[in-house]
Amino acid sequence: MKNSDVLLYIAGNDEFGVRIHVQIANEENTETLIFSDHGWLYEKQFVQWIKAKMEVPIESLNFIFCGDPKSEFPLYSELYSAGAKVSLVS
C-alpha cells in the first residue's frame, strides 16, 4: 500500500445505513476510519467527509474499492467526479 492509497471496504449498506471502513497509509502507520450515514444518497456526504479528514487534496489520492464494484458504482462515480483516482478490486 502506497502513501497515496486509500482502501475502501463497504462493511454494510442496508436498512441501518451504510458503513464504510477506510484505511489510509502514511509514513509511520496505517490509519483506519469508519464512515457511517443513514441516508440513501450518502455518496456526496462521503466525499465531503473524506476531504475534511485528509491532509492532502483528494486529487492526489488513489481510492481502491474492495468488494462488489456493481453495488458501489455511485460512490466510485462520485469520487471520480471529485477528481480522485479510483480502482476496483473484487
PDB file of N, CA and C in Angstrom:
ATOM      1  N   MET A   1       0.848  -1.171   0.000  1.00  0.00           N
ATOM      2  CA  MET A   1       0.000   0.000   0.000  1.00  0.00           C
ATOM      3  C   MET A   1       0.893   1.234   0.000  1.00  0.00           C
ATOM      4  N   LYS A   2       0.700   2.101  -0.972  1.00  0.00           N
ATOM      5  CA  LYS A   2       1.484   3.332  -1.076  1.00  0.00           C
ATOM      6  C   LYS A   2       0.839   4.432  -0.233  1.00  0.00           C
ATOM      7  N   ASN A   3       1.583   5.494   0.025  1.00  0.00           N
ATOM      8  CA  ASN A   3       1.061   6.596   0.828  1.00  0.00           C
ATOM      9  C   ASN A   3      -0.155   7.269   0.213  1.00  0.00           C
ATOM     10  N   SER A   4      -0.318   7.189  -1.082  1.00  0.00           N
ATOM     11  CA  SER A   4      -1.462   7.832  -1.720  1.00  0.00           C
ATOM     12  C   SER A   4      -2.672   6.908  -1.810  1.00  0.00           C
ATOM     13  N   ASP A   5      -2.526   5.641  -1.362  1.00  0.00           N
ATOM     14  CA  ASP A   5      -3.627   4.681  -1.446  1.00  0.00           C
ATOM     15  C   ASP A   5      -4.597   4.834  -0.280  1.00  0.00           C
ATOM     16  N   VAL A   6      -5.876   4.753  -0.608  1.00  0.00           N
ATOM     17  CA  VAL A   6      -6.940   4.748   0.390  1.00  0.00           C
ATOM     18  C   VAL A   6      -7.819   3.544   0.073  1.00  0.00           C
ATOM     19  N   LEU A   7      -7.809   2.538   0.958  1.00  0.00           N
ATOM     20  CA  LEU A   7      -8.620   1.345   0.749  1.00  0.00           C
ATOM     21  C   LEU A   7     -10.018   1.574   1.297  1.00  0.00           C
ATOM     22  N   LEU A   8     -11.032   1.219   0.508  1.00  0.00           N
ATOM     23  CA  LEU A   8     -12.424   1.353   0.928  1.00  0.00           C
ATOM     24  C   LEU A   8     -13.076  -0.019   0.950  1.00  0.00           C
ATOM     25  N   TYR A   9     -13.710  -0.341   2.060  1.00  0.00           N
ATOM     26  CA  TYR A   9     -14.454  -1.583   2.177  1.00  0.00           C
ATOM     27  C   TYR A   9     -15.845  -1.248   2.686  1.00  0.00           C
ATOM     28  N   ILE A  10     -16.872  -1.567   1.904  1.00  0.00           N
ATOM     29  CA  ILE A  10     -18.248  -1.308   2.304  1.00  0.00           C
ATOM     30  C   ILE A  10     -18.644  -2.412   3.283  1.00  0.00           C
ATOM     31  N   ALA A  11     -18.714  -2.070   4.564  1.00  0.00           N
ATOM     32  CA  ALA A  11     -18.998  -3.065   5.600  1.00  0.00           C
ATOM     33  C   ALA A  11     -20.487  -3.333   5.739  1.00  0.00           C
ATOM     34  N   GLY A  12     -21.314  -2.442   5.263  1.00  0.00           N
ATOM     35  CA  GLY A  12     -22.758  -2.639   5.335  1.00  0.00           C
ATOM     36  C   GLY A  12     -23.476  -1.550   4.579  1.00  0.00           C
ATOM     37  N   ASN A  13     -24.536  -1.935   3.900  1.00  0.00           N
ATOM     38  CA  ASN A  13     -25.389  -0.978   3.197  1.00  0.00           C
ATOM     39  C   ASN A  13     -26.784  -1.588   3.215  1.00  0.00           C
ATOM     40  N   ASP A  14     -27.526  -1.266   4.281  1.00  0.00           N
ATOM     41  CA  ASP A  14     -28.814  -1.902   4.497  1.00  0.00           C
ATOM     42  C   ASP A  14     -29.774  -0.912   5.140  1.00  0.00           C
ATOM     43  N   GLU A  15     -30.842  -1.418   5.768  1.00  0.00           N
ATOM     44  CA  GLU A  15     -31.842  -0.537   6.375  1.00  0.00           C
ATOM     45  C   GLU A  15     -31.271   0.287   7.530  1.00  0.00           C
ATOM     46  N   PHE A  16     -30.111  -0.087   8.041  1.00  0.00           N
ATOM     47  CA  PHE A  16     -29.471   0.661   9.119  1.00  0.00           C
ATOM     48  C   PHE A  16     -28.514   1.726   8.594  1.00  0.00           C
ATOM     49  N   GLY A  17     -28.365   1.809   7.291  1.00  0.00           N
ATOM     50  CA  GLY A  17     -27.476   2.790   6.681  1.00  0.00           C
ATOM     51  C   GLY A  17     -26.241   2.148   6.094  1.00  0.00           C
ATOM     52  N   VAL A  18     -25.306   2.979   5.720  1.00  0.00           N
ATOM     53  CA  VAL A  18     -24.059   2.494   5.119  1.00  0.00           C
ATOM     54  C   VAL A  18     -22.921   2.659   6.121  1.00  0.00           C
ATOM     55  N   ARG A  19     -21.995   1.696   6.115  1.00  0.00           N
ATOM     56  CA  ARG A  19     -20.782   1.767   6.914  1.00  0.00           C
ATOM     57  C   ARG A  19     -19.610   1.469   5.987  1.00  0.00           C
ATOM     58  N   ILE A  20     -18.693   2.397   5.918  1.00  0.00           N
ATOM     59  CA  ILE A  20     -17.527   2.246   5.047  1.00  0.00           C
ATOM     60  C   ILE A  20     -16.273   2.293   5.906  1.00  0.00           C
ATOM     61  N   HIS A  21     -15.473   1.233   5.820  1.00  0.00           N
ATOM     62  CA  HIS A  21     -14.180   1.203   6.503  1.00  0.00           C
ATOM     63  C   HIS A  21     -13.146   1.775   5.542  1.00  0.00           C
ATOM     64  N   VAL A  22     -12.345   2.701   6.036  1.00  0.00           N
ATOM     65  CA  VAL A  22     -11.368   3.421   5.226  1.00  0.00           C
ATOM     66  C   VAL A  22      -9.986   3.203   5.841  1.00  0.00           C
ATOM     67  N   GLN A  23      -9.043   2.706   5.052  1.00  0.00           N
ATOM     68  CA  GLN A  23      -7.664   2.552   5.521  1.00  0.00           C
ATOM     69  C   GLN A  23      -6.773   3.494   4.733  1.00  0.00           C
ATOM     70  N   ILE A  24      -5.981   4.274   5.476  1.00  0.00           N
ATOM     71  CA  ILE A  24      -5.112   5.286   4.885  1.00  0.00           C
ATOM     72  C   ILE A  24      -3.688   5.027   5.365  1.00  0.00           C
ATOM     73  N   ALA A  25      -2.764   4.918   4.437  1.00  0.00           N
ATOM     74  CA  ALA A  25      -1.358   4.683   4.794  1.00  0.00           C
ATOM     75  C   ALA A  25      -0.616   6.012   4.849  1.00  0.00           C
ATOM     76  N   ASN A  26       0.313   6.111   5.797  1.00  0.00           N
ATOM     77  CA  ASN A  26       1.264   7.221   5.807  1.00  0.00           C
ATOM     78  C   ASN A  26       2.628   6.648   6.170  1.00  0.00           C
ATOM     79  N   GLU A  27       3.617   7.496   6.370  1.00  0.00           N
ATOM     80  CA  GLU A  27       4.976   7.012   6.614  1.00  0.00           C
ATOM     81  C   GLU A  27       5.092   6.147   7.867  1.00  0.00           C
ATOM     82  N   GLU A  28       4.360   6.491   8.911  1.00  0.00           N
ATOM     83  CA  GLU A  28       4.500   5.805  10.191  1.00  0.00           C
ATOM     84  C   GLU A  28       3.602   4.585  10.351  1.00  0.00           C
ATOM     85  N   ASN A  29       2.359   4.660   9.873  1.00  0.00           N
ATOM     86  CA  ASN A  29       1.406   3.587  10.131  1.00  0.00           C
ATOM     87  C   ASN A  29       0.241   3.619   9.145  1.00  0.00           C
ATOM     88  N   THR A  30      -0.714   2.765   9.401  1.00  0.00           N
ATOM     89  CA  THR A  30      -1.952   2.752   8.629  1.00  0.00           C
ATOM     90  C   THR A  30      -3.084   3.141   9.562  1.00  0.00           C
ATOM     91  N   GLU A  31      -3.851   4.138   9.171  1.00  0.00           N
ATOM     92  CA  GLU A  31      -4.959   4.627   9.985  1.00  0.00           C
ATOM     93  C   GLU A  31      -6.261   4.059   9.437  1.00  0.00           C
ATOM     94  N   THR A  32      -7.155   3.653  10.331  1.00  0.00           N
ATOM     95  CA  THR A  32      -8.459   3.149   9.926  1.00  0.00           C
ATOM     96  C   THR A  32      -9.536   4.093  10.432  1.00  0.00           C
ATOM     97  N   LEU A  33     -10.417   4.506   9.534  1.00  0.00           N
ATOM     98  CA  LEU A  33     -11.548   5.367   9.866  1.00  0.00           C
ATOM     99  C   LEU A  33     -12.830   4.648   9.468  1.00  0.00           C
ATOM    100  N   ILE A  34     -13.934   5.020  10.090  1.00  0.00           N
ATOM    101  CA  ILE A  34     -15.224   4.439   9.725  1.00  0.00           C
ATOM    102  C   ILE A  34     -16.200   5.571   9.439  1.00  0.00           C
ATOM    103  N   PHE A  35     -16.780   5.535   8.250  1.00  0.00           N
ATOM    104  CA  PHE A  35     -17.814   6.485   7.848  1.00  0.00           C
ATOM    105  C   PHE A  35     -19.150   5.771   7.960  1.00  0.00           C
ATOM    106  N   SER A  36     -20.139   6.438   8.540  1.00  0.00           N
ATOM    107  CA  SER A  36     -21.486   5.869   8.554  1.00  0.00           C
ATOM    108  C   SER A  36     -22.487   6.973   8.275  1.00  0.00           C
ATOM    109  N   ASP A  37     -23.549   6.601   7.589  1.00  0.00           N
ATOM    110  CA  ASP A  37     -24.590   7.551   7.220  1.00  0.00           C
ATOM    111  C   ASP A  37     -25.889   6.773   7.098  1.00  0.00           C
ATOM    112  N   HIS A  38     -26.988   7.409   7.464  1.00  0.00           N
ATOM    113  CA  HIS A  38     -28.283   6.735   7.414  1.00  0.00           C
ATOM    114  C   HIS A  38     -29.116   7.154   6.213  1.00  0.00           C
ATOM    115  N   GLY A  39     -28.573   7.981   5.341  1.00  0.00           N
ATOM    116  CA  GLY A  39     -29.300   8.423   4.161  1.00  0.00           C
ATOM    117  C   GLY A  39     -29.138   7.464   2.995  1.00  0.00           C
ATOM    118  N   TRP A  40     -30.068   7.535   2.079  1.00  0.00           N
ATOM    119  CA  TRP A  40     -29.989   6.687   0.882  1.00  0.00           C
ATOM    120  C   TRP A  40     -28.932   7.186  -0.081  1.00  0.00           C
ATOM    121  N   LEU A  41     -28.748   8.488  -0.141  1.00  0.00           N
ATOM    122  CA  LEU A  41     -27.773   9.074  -1.062  1.00  0.00           C
ATOM    123  C   LEU A  41     -26.599   9.611  -0.246  1.00  0.00           C
ATOM    124  N   TYR A  42     -25.708   8.733   0.137  1.00  0.00           N
ATOM    125  CA  TYR A  42     -24.608   9.066   1.036  1.00  0.00           C
ATOM    126  C   TYR A  42     -23.331   9.464   0.305  1.00  0.00           C
ATOM    127  N   GLU A  43     -23.284   9.304  -1.004  1.00  0.00           N
ATOM    128  CA  GLU A  43     -22.030   9.463  -1.742  1.00  0.00           C
ATOM    129  C   GLU A  43     -21.440  10.867  -1.613  1.00  0.00           C
ATOM    130  N   LYS A  44     -22.256  11.902  -1.765  1.00  0.00           N
ATOM    131  CA  LYS A  44     -21.755  13.274  -1.643  1.00  0.00           C
ATOM    132  C   LYS A  44     -21.265  13.555  -0.218  1.00  0.00           C
ATOM    133  N   GLN A  45     -21.981  13.024   0.783  1.00  0.00           N
ATOM    134  CA  GLN A  45     -21.559  13.204   2.171  1.00  0.00           C
ATOM    135  C   GLN A  45     -20.219  12.520   2.420  1.00  0.00           C
ATOM    136  N   PHE A  46     -20.015  11.347   1.806  1.00  0.00           N
ATOM    137  CA  PHE A  46     -18.744  10.654   1.982  1.00  0.00           C
ATOM    138  C   PHE A  46     -17.599  11.479   1.400  1.00  0.00           C
ATOM    139  N   VAL A  47     -17.787  12.034   0.224  1.00  0.00           N
ATOM    140  CA  VAL A  47     -16.725  12.832  -0.405  1.00  0.00           C
ATOM    141  C   VAL A  47     -16.391  14.044   0.470  1.00  0.00           C
ATOM    142  N   GLN A  48     -17.390  14.723   0.997  1.00  0.00           N
ATOM    143  CA  GLN A  48     -17.134  15.868   1.878  1.00  0.00           C
ATOM    144  C   GLN A  48     -16.425  15.430   3.156  1.00  0.00           C
ATOM    145  N   TRP A  49     -16.842  14.295   3.711  1.00  0.00           N
ATOM    146  CA  TRP A  49     -16.238  13.754   4.930  1.00  0.00           C
ATOM    147  C   TRP A  49     -14.768  13.415   4.703  1.00  0.00           C
ATOM    148  N   ILE A  50     -14.470  12.726   3.605  1.00  0.00           N
ATOM    149  CA  ILE A  50     -13.084  12.310   3.343  1.00  0.00           C
ATOM    150  C   ILE A  50     -12.199  13.525   3.049  1.00  0.00           C
ATOM    151  N   LYS A  51     -12.740  14.531   2.373  1.00  0.00           N
ATOM    152  CA  LYS A  51     -11.972  15.758   2.131  1.00  0.00           C
ATOM    153  C   LYS A  51     -11.602  16.427   3.450  1.00  0.00           C
ATOM    154  N   ALA A  52     -12.525  16.417   4.409  1.00  0.00           N
ATOM    155  CA  ALA A  52     -12.268  17.036   5.710  1.00  0.00           C
ATOM    156  C   ALA A  52     -11.245  16.240   6.524  1.00  0.00           C
ATOM    157  N   LYS A  53     -11.189  14.937   6.329  1.00  0.00           N
ATOM    158  CA  LYS A  53     -10.282  14.073   7.097  1.00  0.00           C
ATOM    159  C   LYS A  53      -8.858  14.051   6.544  1.00  0.00           C
ATOM    160  N   MET A  54      -8.699  14.299   5.266  1.00  0.00           N
ATOM    161  CA  MET A  54      -7.396  14.162   4.618  1.00  0.00           C
ATOM    162  C   MET A  54      -6.609  15.464   4.684  1.00  0.00           C
ATOM    163  N   GLU A  55      -5.293  15.328   4.771  1.00  0.00           N
ATOM    164  CA  GLU A  55      -4.411  16.493   4.796  1.00  0.00           C
ATOM    165  C   GLU A  55      -3.913  16.862   3.408  1.00  0.00           C
ATOM    166  N   VAL A  56      -4.240  16.035   2.422  1.00  0.00           N
ATOM    167  CA  VAL A  56      -3.817  16.282   1.041  1.00  0.00           C
ATOM    168  C   VAL A  56      -5.060  16.386   0.164  1.00  0.00           C
ATOM    169  N   PRO A  57      -4.948  17.010  -0.992  1.00  0.00           N
ATOM    170  CA  PRO A  57      -6.105  17.119  -1.886  1.00  0.00           C
ATOM    171  C   PRO A  57      -6.587  15.743  -2.349  1.00  0.00           C
ATOM    172  N   ILE A  58      -7.872  15.621  -2.542  1.00  0.00           N
ATOM    173  CA  ILE A  58      -8.468  14.355  -2.972  1.00  0.00           C
ATOM    174  C   ILE A  58      -7.907  13.910  -4.323  1.00  0.00           C
ATOM    175  N   GLU A  59      -7.476  14.863  -5.142  1.00  0.00           N
ATOM    176  CA  GLU A  59      -6.927  14.549  -6.464  1.00  0.00           C
ATOM    177  C   GLU A  59      -5.620  13.764  -6.383  1.00  0.00           C
ATOM    178  N   SER A  60      -4.932  13.850  -5.254  1.00  0.00           N
ATOM    179  CA  SER A  60      -3.647  13.161  -5.117  1.00  0.00           C
ATOM    180  C   SER A  60      -3.791  11.752  -4.545  1.00  0.00           C
ATOM    181  N   LEU A  61      -5.017  11.329  -4.286  1.00  0.00           N
ATOM    182  CA  LEU A  61      -5.256  10.027  -3.660  1.00  0.00           C
ATOM    183  C   LEU A  61      -5.743   8.996  -4.665  1.00  0.00           C
ATOM    184  N   ASN A  62      -5.446   7.742  -4.378  1.00  0.00           N
ATOM    185  CA  ASN A  62      -5.917   6.616  -5.182  1.00  0.00           C
ATOM    186  C   ASN A  62      -6.838   5.772  -4.302  1.00  0.00           C
ATOM    187  N   PHE A  63      -8.133   5.842  -4.562  1.00  0.00           N
ATOM    188  CA  PHE A  63      -9.120   5.091  -3.793  1.00  0.00           C
ATOM    189  C   PHE A  63      -9.262   3.706  -4.399  1.00  0.00           C
ATOM    190  N   ILE A  64      -9.094   2.692  -3.565  1.00  0.00           N
ATOM    191  CA  ILE A  64      -9.179   1.306  -4.014  1.00  0.00           C
ATOM    192  C   ILE A  64     -10.389   0.668  -3.347  1.00  0.00           C
ATOM    193  N   PHE A  65     -11.381   0.307  -4.162  1.00  0.00           N
ATOM    194  CA  PHE A  65     -12.597  -0.332  -3.662  1.00  0.00           C
ATOM    195  C   PHE A  65     -12.361  -1.822  -3.529  1.00  0.00           C
ATOM    196  N   CYS A  66     -12.628  -2.364  -2.361  1.00  0.00           N
ATOM    197  CA  CYS A  66     -12.534  -3.803  -2.123  1.00  0.00           C
ATOM    198  C   CYS A  66     -13.958  -4.331  -1.971  1.00  0.00           C
ATOM    199  N   GLY A  67     -14.363  -5.231  -2.830  1.00  0.00           N
ATOM    200  CA  GLY A  67     -15.711  -5.784  -2.742  1.00  0.00           C
ATOM    201  C   GLY A  67     -16.414  -5.767  -4.079  1.00  0.00           C
ATOM    202  N   ASP A  68     -17.740  -5.671  -4.027  1.00  0.00           N
ATOM    203  CA  ASP A  68     -18.584  -5.744  -5.216  1.00  0.00           C
ATOM    204  C   ASP A  68     -18.629  -4.395  -5.933  1.00  0.00           C
ATOM    205  N   PRO A  69     -17.997  -4.282  -7.104  1.00  0.00           N
ATOM    206  CA  PRO A  69     -17.950  -2.989  -7.795  1.00  0.00           C
ATOM    207  C   PRO A  69     -19.307  -2.526  -8.318  1.00  0.00           C
ATOM    208  N   LYS A  70     -20.198  -3.447  -8.646  1.00  0.00           N
ATOM    209  CA  LYS A  70     -21.502  -3.054  -9.198  1.00  0.00           C
ATOM    210  C   LYS A  70     -22.347  -2.311  -8.175  1.00  0.00           C
ATOM    211  N   SER A  71     -22.355  -2.795  -6.941  1.00  0.00           N
ATOM    212  CA  SER A  71     -23.222  -2.181  -5.935  1.00  0.00           C
ATOM    213  C   SER A  71     -22.710  -0.817  -5.479  1.00  0.00           C
ATOM    214  N   GLU A  72     -21.437  -0.548  -5.655  1.00  0.00           N
ATOM    215  CA  GLU A  72     -20.881   0.716  -5.182  1.00  0.00           C
ATOM    216  C   GLU A  72     -20.489   1.664  -6.308  1.00  0.00           C
ATOM    217  N   PHE A  73     -21.041   1.452  -7.486  1.00  0.00           N
ATOM    218  CA  PHE A  73     -20.714   2.327  -8.606  1.00  0.00           C
ATOM    219  C   PHE A  73     -21.049   3.796  -8.326  1.00  0.00           C
ATOM    220  N   PRO A  74     -22.179   4.128  -7.657  1.00  0.00           N
ATOM    221  CA  PRO A  74     -22.439   5.553  -7.388  1.00  0.00           C
ATOM    222  C   PRO A  74     -21.338   6.227  -6.566  1.00  0.00           C
ATOM    223  N   LEU A  75     -20.782   5.529  -5.583  1.00  0.00           N
ATOM    224  CA  LEU A  75     -19.691   6.108  -4.790  1.00  0.00           C
ATOM    225  C   LEU A  75     -18.427   6.229  -5.628  1.00  0.00           C
ATOM    226  N   TYR A  76     -18.127   5.202  -6.399  1.00  0.00           N
ATOM    227  CA  TYR A  76     -16.993   5.216  -7.331  1.00  0.00           C
ATOM    228  C   TYR A  76     -17.107   6.438  -8.240  1.00  0.00           C
ATOM    229  N   SER A  77     -18.285   6.631  -8.816  1.00  0.00           N
ATOM    230  CA  SER A  77     -18.534   7.738  -9.741  1.00  0.00           C
ATOM    231  C   SER A  77     -18.395   9.095  -9.049  1.00  0.00           C
ATOM    232  N   GLU A  78     -18.897   9.208  -7.836  1.00  0.00           N
ATOM    233  CA  GLU A  78     -18.822  10.475  -7.093  1.00  0.00           C
ATOM    234  C   GLU A  78     -17.373  10.849  -6.785  1.00  0.00           C
ATOM    235  N   LEU A  79     -16.570   9.872  -6.372  1.00  0.00           N
ATOM    236  CA  LEU A  79     -15.153  10.134  -6.108  1.00  0.00           C
ATOM    237  C   LEU A  79     -14.422  10.525  -7.386  1.00  0.00           C
ATOM    238  N   TYR A  80     -14.704   9.818  -8.468  1.00  0.00           N
ATOM    239  CA  TYR A  80     -14.078  10.121  -9.757  1.00  0.00           C
ATOM    240  C   TYR A  80     -14.452  11.534 -10.205  1.00  0.00           C
ATOM    241  N   SER A  81     -15.721  11.906 -10.036  1.00  0.00           N
ATOM    242  CA  SER A  81     -16.178  13.250 -10.412  1.00  0.00           C
ATOM    243  C   SER A  81     -15.505  14.331  -9.575  1.00  0.00           C
ATOM    244  N   ALA A  82     -15.113  13.984  -8.344  1.00  0.00           N
ATOM    245  CA  ALA A  82     -14.434  14.942  -7.464  1.00  0.00           C
ATOM    246  C   ALA A  82     -12.950  15.059  -7.788  1.00  0.00           C
ATOM    247  N   GLY A  83     -12.460  14.249  -8.735  1.00  0.00           N
ATOM    248  CA  GLY A  83     -11.069  14.342  -9.156  1.00  0.00           C
ATOM    249  C   GLY A  83     -10.156  13.260  -8.618  1.00  0.00           C
ATOM    250  N   ALA A  84     -10.702  12.331  -7.843  1.00  0.00           N
ATOM    251  CA  ALA A  84      -9.879  11.262  -7.266  1.00  0.00           C
ATOM    252  C   ALA A  84      -9.598  10.174  -8.293  1.00  0.00           C
ATOM    253  N   LYS A  85      -8.485   9.481  -8.095  1.00  0.00           N
ATOM    254  CA  LYS A  85      -8.208   8.274  -8.875  1.00  0.00           C
ATOM    255  C   LYS A  85      -8.911   7.134  -8.156  1.00  0.00           C
ATOM    256  N   VAL A  86      -9.552   6.246  -8.914  1.00  0.00           N
ATOM    257  CA  VAL A  86     -10.274   5.136  -8.295  1.00  0.00           C
ATOM    258  C   VAL A  86      -9.932   3.828  -8.992  1.00  0.00           C
ATOM    259  N   SER A  87      -9.860   2.763  -8.202  1.00  0.00           N
ATOM    260  CA  SER A  87      -9.576   1.422  -8.711  1.00  0.00           C
ATOM    261  C   SER A  87     -10.538   0.450  -8.050  1.00  0.00           C
ATOM    262  N   LEU A  88     -10.789  -0.659  -8.724  1.00  0.00           N
ATOM    263  CA  LEU A  88     -11.671  -1.695  -8.182  1.00  0.00           C
ATOM    264  C   LEU A  88     -10.891  -2.975  -7.966  1.00  0.00           C
ATOM    265  N   VAL A  89     -11.095  -3.600  -6.819  1.00  0.00           N
ATOM    266  CA  VAL A  89     -10.523  -4.910  -6.523  1.00  0.00           C
ATOM    267  C   VAL A  89     -11.677  -5.766  -6.041  1.00  0.00           C
ATOM    268  N   SER A  90     -11.928  -6.881  -6.732  1.00  0.00           N
ATOM    269  CA  SER A  90     -13.043  -7.731  -6.287  1.00  0.00           C
ATOM    270  C   SER A  90     -12.559  -9.096  -5.892  1.00  0.00           C
TER     271      SER A  90
END
